[in-house]
């Protein structure tokens, strides 16, 4: 079975750290304190609106792997053109909401730009949502069925991977095989608070469930020593892999 070109090579590669801070100064500090300790830096919306897009471009130019977490969803033409521009930034990953037309338009933009090095990720259902949240948003559910449907849509669209909860990774791996990567937010080391996440799992359990990349935020960024906290997560990943 083919292996995704976006598959990680080492335990360190698998750790994604969200740079979820309000200012560029704080972002620079967090990156400096975790230099060489994480595989990918994730730039989300909070920082994007405070100069984070240029910051992401600069980090990528410096050789760091960057995950641009933009969660795009718009009309087809807008998505296609937006992805063409993102493909020029040098980032490694970017997200879109996992609607079939949105994902197909994104893949079209990537092909037009001719940048196979950008991994497009389809967000299935946000890990902050549970069954009640899904129903309140107008979906019939159950949640697992929505995640599965969007995963199959991502594969058919030619996406590079999906974003789902680690609790769903095992089932999604059986659908995707090794063709697409699975990115799982809501990862919490044993003893850490879940915060606003609903569907969480430890790093070790997430790897064993089939996750390729783990997004670990506050347990690292809010630690007294973020570098050491990142080291501990990587060690847990290595234990699971071995």
Protein backbone atom coordinates (compact mmCIF):
# COMPACT_ATOMS: atom_id res chain seq x y z
CA UNK A 1 0.00 0.00 0.00
CA UNK A 2 1.38 3.48 -0.86
CA UNK A 3 2.76 5.59 1.96
CA UNK A 4 1.91 9.26 2.13
CA UNK A 5 4.73 11.63 1.11
CA UNK A 6 3.75 13.66 4.16
CA UNK A 7 4.32 10.84 6.66
CA UNK A 8 6.65 11.74 9.58
CA UNK A 9 10.04 10.07 9.91
CA UNK A 10 10.83 10.48 13.61
CA UNK A 11 9.06 10.94 16.93
CA UNK A 12 10.13 14.58 16.95
CA UNK A 13 8.59 15.11 13.50
CA UNK A 14 5.21 14.05 14.88
CA UNK A 15 4.90 16.80 17.50
CA UNK A 16 3.01 19.91 16.40
CA UNK A 17 3.07 22.91 18.74
CA UNK A 18 0.38 25.60 18.40
CA UNK A 19 1.82 29.09 18.72
CA UNK A 20 -1.44 30.36 20.19
CA UNK A 21 -0.32 33.65 21.69
CA UNK A 22 -1.62 37.20 21.11
CA UNK A 23 1.58 38.95 20.04
CA UNK A 24 4.56 38.36 17.78
CA UNK A 25 6.93 38.99 20.70
CA UNK A 26 5.36 36.14 22.67
CA UNK A 27 5.41 33.95 19.57
CA UNK A 28 9.11 34.58 19.05
CA UNK A 29 9.77 33.71 22.69
CA UNK A 30 7.84 30.44 22.51
CA UNK A 31 9.60 29.39 19.31
CA UNK A 32 12.98 30.28 20.84
CA UNK A 33 12.28 28.25 23.99
CA UNK A 34 11.25 25.18 21.98
CA UNK A 35 13.86 25.39 19.21
CA UNK A 36 14.73 21.87 18.08
CA UNK A 37 12.19 20.36 20.48
CA UNK A 38 9.14 20.11 18.17
CA UNK A 39 8.65 19.05 14.59
CA UNK A 40 6.05 21.55 13.41
CA UNK A 41 4.86 24.97 14.58
CA UNK A 42 1.15 25.58 14.11
CA UNK A 43 0.09 29.16 13.44
CA UNK A 44 -3.59 29.63 14.23
CA UNK A 45 -6.10 32.43 13.94
CA UNK A 46 -5.18 34.34 17.08
CA UNK A 47 -1.66 35.02 15.85
CA UNK A 48 -2.66 35.31 12.19
CA UNK A 49 -4.49 38.54 13.01
CA UNK A 50 -1.43 39.93 14.79
CA UNK A 51 1.14 39.55 12.02
CA UNK A 52 1.23 35.76 12.13
CA UNK A 53 1.10 35.20 8.39
CA UNK A 54 4.37 36.99 7.78
CA UNK A 55 5.79 35.32 10.88
CA UNK A 56 4.83 31.93 9.41
CA UNK A 57 6.48 32.86 6.12
CA UNK A 58 9.67 33.91 7.93
CA UNK A 59 9.81 30.71 10.00
CA UNK A 60 9.35 28.61 6.86
CA UNK A 61 12.14 30.54 5.13
CA UNK A 62 14.30 29.75 8.17
CA UNK A 63 13.79 26.04 7.54
CA UNK A 64 11.10 25.31 10.11
CA UNK A 65 8.03 23.23 9.27
CA UNK A 66 4.93 25.36 9.54
CA UNK A 67 1.29 24.35 9.86
CA UNK A 68 -0.97 27.22 8.78
CA UNK A 69 -4.24 26.50 10.57
CA UNK A 70 -6.61 28.72 8.60
CA UNK A 71 -9.61 26.34 8.30
CA UNK A 72 -10.71 27.84 4.99
CA UNK A 73 -14.28 27.50 3.73
CA UNK A 74 -15.69 29.70 0.98
CA UNK A 75 -16.88 29.60 -2.62
CA UNK A 76 -14.83 27.41 -4.95
CA UNK A 77 -13.08 30.18 -6.85
CA UNK A 78 -11.97 31.94 -3.67
CA UNK A 79 -10.63 28.72 -2.16
CA UNK A 80 -8.69 27.83 -5.32
CA UNK A 81 -7.04 31.24 -5.48
CA UNK A 82 -6.32 31.34 -1.75
CA UNK A 83 -4.60 27.95 -1.83
CA UNK A 84 -2.49 29.06 -4.79
CA UNK A 85 -1.19 31.94 -2.67
CA UNK A 86 -0.62 29.80 0.42
CA UNK A 87 1.37 27.36 -1.72
CA UNK A 88 3.85 30.16 -2.40
CA UNK A 89 4.50 30.78 1.31
CA UNK A 90 6.65 27.72 1.91
CA UNK A 91 4.49 26.27 4.69
CA UNK A 92 4.16 22.50 5.06
CA UNK A 93 0.51 22.08 6.15
CA UNK A 94 -2.74 24.02 5.93
CA UNK A 95 -6.33 23.28 6.93
CA UNK A 96 -9.70 23.57 5.27
CA UNK A 97 -13.08 22.58 6.58
CA UNK A 98 -13.86 19.14 5.20
CA UNK A 99 -16.69 19.99 2.83
CA UNK A 100 -16.37 18.11 -0.48
CA UNK A 101 -16.52 21.16 -2.79
CA UNK A 102 -14.12 23.11 -0.60
CA UNK A 103 -11.57 20.31 -0.61
CA UNK A 104 -11.83 19.74 -4.36
CA UNK A 105 -11.33 23.45 -5.00
CA UNK A 106 -8.29 23.47 -2.73
CA UNK A 107 -6.69 20.52 -4.48
CA UNK A 108 -7.33 22.22 -7.80
CA UNK A 109 -5.52 25.34 -6.59
CA UNK A 110 -2.58 23.29 -5.38
CA UNK A 111 -2.30 21.50 -8.71
CA UNK A 112 -2.47 24.78 -10.61
CA UNK A 113 0.33 26.21 -8.50
CA UNK A 114 2.37 23.03 -8.91
CA UNK A 115 3.43 22.70 -5.28
CA UNK A 116 3.14 19.05 -4.20
CA UNK A 117 5.01 19.84 -0.98
CA UNK A 118 2.02 21.45 0.72
CA UNK A 119 -0.14 19.00 2.68
CA UNK A 120 -3.81 19.99 2.57
CA UNK A 121 -5.70 18.82 5.65
CA UNK A 122 -9.47 18.42 5.80
CA UNK A 123 -10.95 19.22 9.22
CA UNK A 124 -13.64 16.64 9.95
CA UNK A 125 -15.33 17.71 13.21
CA UNK A 126 -13.63 20.09 15.66
CA UNK A 127 -12.34 18.33 18.77
CA UNK A 128 -14.08 20.96 20.94
CA UNK A 129 -17.45 19.59 19.73
CA UNK A 130 -19.46 16.64 21.01
CA UNK A 131 -22.72 15.02 19.90
CA UNK A 132 -24.90 17.77 21.40
CA UNK A 133 -22.85 20.49 19.73
CA UNK A 134 -23.18 18.76 16.37
CA UNK A 135 -26.97 18.50 16.69
CA UNK A 136 -27.18 22.16 17.77
CA UNK A 137 -25.26 23.10 14.61
CA UNK A 138 -27.89 21.40 12.46
CA UNK A 139 -26.21 18.05 11.74
CA UNK A 140 -28.12 14.81 12.15
CA UNK A 141 -25.11 12.90 13.40
CA UNK A 142 -24.05 10.68 14.97
CA UNK A 143 -20.68 12.42 15.21
CA UNK A 144 -18.71 9.33 14.18
CA UNK A 145 -20.69 9.12 10.93
CA UNK A 146 -19.94 12.75 10.06
CA UNK A 147 -16.22 12.22 10.71
CA UNK A 148 -16.21 9.10 8.54
CA UNK A 149 -18.08 10.79 5.69
CA UNK A 150 -15.69 13.73 5.63
CA UNK A 151 -12.71 11.40 5.79
CA UNK A 152 -13.91 9.51 2.72
CA UNK A 153 -14.58 12.83 0.98
CA UNK A 154 -11.01 13.98 1.75
CA UNK A 155 -9.57 10.86 0.20
CA UNK A 156 -11.71 11.17 -2.92
CA UNK A 157 -10.77 14.84 -3.29
CA UNK A 158 -7.05 14.08 -3.26
CA UNK A 159 -6.23 15.78 0.03
CA UNK A 160 -2.99 15.13 1.89
CA UNK A 161 -4.66 14.22 5.17
CA UNK A 162 -7.38 14.87 7.70
CA UNK A 163 -7.76 16.39 11.14
CA UNK A 164 -9.82 14.37 13.60
CA UNK A 165 -9.91 13.50 17.28
CA UNK A 166 -7.49 10.79 18.36
CA UNK A 167 -10.50 8.84 19.61
CA UNK A 168 -11.50 8.44 15.96
CA UNK A 169 -8.03 7.84 14.53
CA UNK A 170 -8.17 4.05 14.57
CA UNK A 171 -11.36 3.86 12.52
CA UNK A 172 -10.18 6.56 10.12
CA UNK A 173 -6.87 4.74 9.64
CA UNK A 174 -8.79 1.67 8.51
CA UNK A 175 -10.44 3.85 5.84
CA UNK A 176 -7.34 5.74 4.72
CA UNK A 177 -4.64 3.10 5.02
CA UNK A 178 -1.28 4.82 4.62
CA UNK A 179 -2.39 7.11 1.80
CA UNK A 180 -3.31 10.15 3.92
CA UNK A 181 -1.87 11.42 7.18
CA UNK A 182 -3.96 11.84 10.32
CA UNK A 183 -3.45 14.92 12.49
CA UNK A 184 -5.02 14.81 15.95
CA UNK A 185 -5.58 17.86 18.17
CA UNK A 186 -6.82 17.55 21.74
CA UNK A 187 -3.75 15.62 22.89
CA UNK A 188 -3.19 15.82 26.62
CA UNK A 189 -0.33 14.08 28.49
CA UNK A 190 -1.49 12.07 31.49
CA UNK A 191 -2.52 14.39 34.32
CA UNK A 192 -3.09 17.44 32.09
CA UNK A 193 -6.39 19.33 32.10
CA UNK A 194 -8.63 18.82 29.07
CA UNK A 195 -9.46 22.54 28.90
CA UNK A 196 -11.98 23.31 26.14
CA UNK A 197 -11.35 20.02 24.36
CA UNK A 198 -14.04 17.32 24.49
CA UNK A 199 -12.52 14.32 22.69
CA UNK A 200 -9.01 13.95 24.12
CA UNK A 201 -6.32 11.25 24.37
CA UNK A 202 -2.76 10.89 25.68
CA UNK A 203 0.18 11.02 23.23
CA UNK A 204 0.97 7.33 23.69
CA UNK A 205 -2.62 6.22 23.12
CA UNK A 206 -3.01 8.55 20.13
CA UNK A 207 0.04 7.09 18.39
CA UNK A 208 -1.16 3.55 19.02
CA UNK A 209 -4.57 4.51 17.64
CA UNK A 210 -3.01 5.48 14.32
CA UNK A 211 -2.31 9.22 14.58
CA UNK A 212 0.62 10.53 12.52
CA UNK A 213 0.88 14.01 14.02
CA UNK A 214 -0.10 15.16 17.50
CA UNK A 215 -1.10 18.74 18.28
CA UNK A 216 -0.08 19.47 21.87
CA UNK A 217 -0.65 23.06 22.97
CA UNK A 218 -1.10 24.32 26.51
CA UNK A 219 0.67 21.43 28.27
CA UNK A 220 3.81 22.69 26.48
CA UNK A 221 3.27 26.40 25.89
CA UNK A 222 2.06 27.10 29.44
CA UNK A 223 4.69 24.95 31.15
CA UNK A 224 7.41 26.61 33.19
CA UNK A 225 9.94 25.08 30.81
CA UNK A 226 8.26 24.54 27.43
CA UNK A 227 11.35 22.84 25.98
CA UNK A 228 11.42 20.20 28.70
CA UNK A 229 7.68 19.69 28.40
CA UNK A 230 8.09 19.10 24.66
CA UNK A 231 10.90 16.64 25.34
CA UNK A 232 8.58 14.68 27.64
CA UNK A 233 5.90 14.43 24.95
CA UNK A 234 8.42 13.29 22.34
CA UNK A 235 9.65 10.63 24.78
CA UNK A 236 6.09 9.39 25.20
CA UNK A 237 5.71 9.24 21.41
CA UNK A 238 8.95 7.28 21.11
CA UNK A 239 7.73 4.82 23.75
CA UNK A 240 4.54 4.24 21.80
CA UNK A 241 6.42 3.74 18.53
CA UNK A 242 8.75 1.19 20.07
